[in-house]
Amino acid sequence: MSIPQALPTPAGEFQSQFGGSPDAAADCKKWESLCADLIAEREKLRKELARSQGERDQYLKSLYAFLRKEWSPPNFTREEVFAHLDDRPSIHEVIAELERGLEKQG
């Protein structure tokens, strides 16, 4: 069982980075360093996202190509289709079958 870790708060992050130093020039350098780190991480995450999206797109293209290759339309003639139109159950037969199923469950 793992112990859930609390997310850092902005105030806590500020205190850990800056600690309330009275030296404004040092604080400014720390802010610049923090911003540079955040910008670098943002760029790294953007590149990772673009790479992941590219992989996803390639997987989808491969899947679509595979499915298209495997699927072929049924080879029925018009006469065969019309010959079997009346083979399906009527709505009354479907309702009766559903009612029988409910009676068996009850």
C-alpha atoms as a PDB file:
ATOM      1  CA  MET A   1       0.000   0.000   0.000  1.00  0.00           C
ATOM      2  CA  SER A   2       1.501   3.312  -1.050  1.00  0.00           C
ATOM      3  CA  ILE A   3       1.189   6.497   0.929  1.00  0.00           C
ATOM      4  CA  PRO A   4      -0.458   9.252  -1.123  1.00  0.00           C
ATOM      5  CA  GLN A   5       1.815  12.245  -1.554  1.00  0.00           C
ATOM      6  CA  ALA A   6       0.375  15.713  -1.215  1.00  0.00           C
ATOM      7  CA  LEU A   7       0.725  18.016  -4.202  1.00  0.00           C
ATOM      8  CA  PRO A   8       3.013  20.973  -3.605  1.00  0.00           C
ATOM      9  CA  THR A   9       1.276  24.258  -2.951  1.00  0.00           C
ATOM     10  CA  PRO A  10       2.337  27.505  -4.610  1.00  0.00           C
ATOM     11  CA  ALA A  11       3.221  29.025  -1.226  1.00  0.00           C
ATOM     12  CA  GLY A  12       5.288  25.973  -0.284  1.00  0.00           C
ATOM     13  CA  GLU A  13       7.105  26.009  -3.622  1.00  0.00           C
ATOM     14  CA  PHE A  14       7.803  29.718  -3.221  1.00  0.00           C
ATOM     15  CA  GLN A  15       9.212  29.212   0.276  1.00  0.00           C
ATOM     16  CA  SER A  16      11.395  26.306  -0.861  1.00  0.00           C
ATOM     17  CA  GLN A  17      12.756  28.305  -3.807  1.00  0.00           C
ATOM     18  CA  PHE A  18      13.111  31.722  -2.231  1.00  0.00           C
ATOM     19  CA  GLY A  19      12.697  31.410   1.533  1.00  0.00           C
ATOM     20  CA  GLY A  20      11.865  35.087   1.950  1.00  0.00           C
ATOM     21  CA  SER A  21      15.343  36.434   1.245  1.00  0.00           C
ATOM     22  CA  PRO A  22      15.683  40.208   1.720  1.00  0.00           C
ATOM     23  CA  ASP A  23      18.136  40.402  -1.231  1.00  0.00           C
ATOM     24  CA  ALA A  24      16.044  41.459  -4.242  1.00  0.00           C
ATOM     25  CA  ALA A  25      18.859  40.884  -6.760  1.00  0.00           C
ATOM     26  CA  ALA A  26      19.335  37.297  -5.576  1.00  0.00           C
ATOM     27  CA  ASP A  27      15.564  36.724  -5.706  1.00  0.00           C
ATOM     28  CA  CYS A  28      15.496  38.067  -9.258  1.00  0.00           C
ATOM     29  CA  LYS A  29      18.229  35.622 -10.323  1.00  0.00           C
ATOM     30  CA  LYS A  30      16.320  32.768  -8.675  1.00  0.00           C
ATOM     31  CA  TRP A  31      13.138  33.782 -10.534  1.00  0.00           C
ATOM     32  CA  GLU A  32      15.042  33.881 -13.819  1.00  0.00           C
ATOM     33  CA  SER A  33      16.483  30.442 -13.129  1.00  0.00           C
ATOM     34  CA  LEU A  34      13.068  29.034 -12.183  1.00  0.00           C
ATOM     35  CA  CYS A  35      11.459  30.505 -15.322  1.00  0.00           C
ATOM     36  CA  ALA A  36      14.226  29.075 -17.509  1.00  0.00           C
ATOM     37  CA  ASP A  37      13.715  25.637 -15.934  1.00  0.00           C
ATOM     38  CA  LEU A  38       9.956  25.832 -16.457  1.00  0.00           C
ATOM     39  CA  ILE A  39      10.325  26.950 -20.073  1.00  0.00           C
ATOM     40  CA  ALA A  40      12.784  24.104 -20.753  1.00  0.00           C
ATOM     41  CA  GLU A  41      10.416  21.569 -19.185  1.00  0.00           C
ATOM     42  CA  ARG A  42       7.487  22.983 -21.178  1.00  0.00           C
ATOM     43  CA  GLU A  43       9.449  22.532 -24.414  1.00  0.00           C
ATOM     44  CA  LYS A  44      10.424  18.988 -23.424  1.00  0.00           C
ATOM     45  CA  LEU A  45       6.764  18.153 -22.712  1.00  0.00           C
ATOM     46  CA  ARG A  46       5.635  19.707 -26.002  1.00  0.00           C
ATOM     47  CA  LYS A  47       8.147  17.580 -27.914  1.00  0.00           C
ATOM     48  CA  GLU A  48       7.054  14.468 -26.022  1.00  0.00           C
ATOM     49  CA  LEU A  49       3.403  15.247 -26.768  1.00  0.00           C
ATOM     50  CA  ALA A  50       4.135  15.771 -30.471  1.00  0.00           C
ATOM     51  CA  ARG A  51       6.059  12.468 -30.587  1.00  0.00           C
ATOM     52  CA  SER A  52       3.217  10.634 -28.814  1.00  0.00           C
ATOM     53  CA  GLN A  53       0.634  12.143 -31.150  1.00  0.00           C
ATOM     54  CA  GLY A  54       2.733  11.103 -34.150  1.00  0.00           C
ATOM     55  CA  GLU A  55       2.936   7.540 -32.828  1.00  0.00           C
ATOM     56  CA  ARG A  56      -0.815   7.510 -32.204  1.00  0.00           C
ATOM     57  CA  ASP A  57      -1.508   8.721 -35.731  1.00  0.00           C
ATOM     58  CA  GLN A  58       0.780   6.056 -37.181  1.00  0.00           C
ATOM     59  CA  TYR A  59      -0.920   3.323 -35.129  1.00  0.00           C
ATOM     60  CA  LEU A  60      -4.339   4.520 -36.299  1.00  0.00           C
ATOM     61  CA  LYS A  61      -3.225   4.555 -39.939  1.00  0.00           C
ATOM     62  CA  SER A  62      -1.878   1.021 -39.568  1.00  0.00           C
ATOM     63  CA  LEU A  63      -5.075  -0.153 -37.886  1.00  0.00           C
ATOM     64  CA  TYR A  64      -7.276   1.419 -40.563  1.00  0.00           C
ATOM     65  CA  ALA A  65      -5.150  -0.110 -43.322  1.00  0.00           C
ATOM     66  CA  PHE A  66      -5.346  -3.526 -41.648  1.00  0.00           C
ATOM     67  CA  LEU A  67      -9.113  -3.322 -41.178  1.00  0.00           C
ATOM     68  CA  ARG A  68      -9.645  -2.136 -44.733  1.00  0.00           C
ATOM     69  CA  LYS A  69      -7.570  -5.064 -46.023  1.00  0.00           C
ATOM     70  CA  GLU A  70      -9.513  -7.609 -43.942  1.00  0.00           C
ATOM     71  CA  TRP A  71     -12.998  -6.266 -44.707  1.00  0.00           C
ATOM     72  CA  SER A  72     -14.736  -7.012 -47.923  1.00  0.00           C
ATOM     73  CA  PRO A  73     -18.344  -6.236 -48.734  1.00  0.00           C
ATOM     74  CA  PRO A  74     -20.715  -9.208 -48.764  1.00  0.00           C
ATOM     75  CA  ASN A  75     -21.134 -10.804 -52.139  1.00  0.00           C
ATOM     76  CA  PHE A  76     -24.930 -11.060 -52.298  1.00  0.00           C
ATOM     77  CA  THR A  77     -26.978 -10.657 -55.408  1.00  0.00           C
ATOM     78  CA  ARG A  78     -30.049  -8.463 -55.404  1.00  0.00           C
ATOM     79  CA  GLU A  79     -32.244 -11.555 -55.775  1.00  0.00           C
ATOM     80  CA  GLU A  80     -30.668 -13.228 -52.709  1.00  0.00           C
ATOM     81  CA  VAL A  81     -31.245 -10.156 -50.566  1.00  0.00           C
ATOM     82  CA  PHE A  82     -34.898  -9.853 -51.588  1.00  0.00           C
ATOM     83  CA  ALA A  83     -35.433 -13.586 -51.104  1.00  0.00           C
ATOM     84  CA  HIS A  84     -34.526 -13.301 -47.399  1.00  0.00           C
ATOM     85  CA  LEU A  85     -36.323 -10.075 -46.490  1.00  0.00           C
ATOM     86  CA  ASP A  86     -39.211 -11.966 -44.931  1.00  0.00           C
ATOM     87  CA  ASP A  87     -36.935 -14.269 -42.896  1.00  0.00           C
ATOM     88  CA  ARG A  88     -36.573 -11.819 -40.038  1.00  0.00           C
ATOM     89  CA  PRO A  89     -38.935 -12.094 -37.053  1.00  0.00           C
ATOM     90  CA  SER A  90     -41.828  -9.670 -36.809  1.00  0.00           C
ATOM     91  CA  ILE A  91     -42.018  -7.134 -33.998  1.00  0.00           C
ATOM     92  CA  HIS A  92     -44.726  -9.238 -32.350  1.00  0.00           C
ATOM     93  CA  GLU A  93     -42.424 -12.276 -32.376  1.00  0.00           C
ATOM     94  CA  VAL A  94     -39.574 -10.250 -30.853  1.00  0.00           C
ATOM     95  CA  ILE A  95     -41.840  -8.944 -28.058  1.00  0.00           C
ATOM     96  CA  ALA A  96     -43.156 -12.450 -27.356  1.00  0.00           C
ATOM     97  CA  GLU A  97     -39.595 -13.786 -27.143  1.00  0.00           C
ATOM     98  CA  LEU A  98     -38.606 -11.014 -24.729  1.00  0.00           C
ATOM     99  CA  GLU A  99     -41.646 -11.700 -22.568  1.00  0.00           C
ATOM    100  CA  ARG A 100     -40.802 -15.430 -22.474  1.00  0.00           C
ATOM    101  CA  GLY A 101     -37.288 -14.543 -21.360  1.00  0.00           C
ATOM    102  CA  LEU A 102     -38.632 -12.341 -18.578  1.00  0.00           C
ATOM    103  CA  GLU A 103     -40.999 -15.086 -17.419  1.00  0.00           C
ATOM    104  CA  LYS A 104     -38.092 -17.539 -17.188  1.00  0.00           C
ATOM    105  CA  GLN A 105     -36.068 -15.094 -15.087  1.00  0.00           C
ATOM    106  CA  GLY A 106     -38.959 -14.315 -12.735  1.00  0.00           C
END
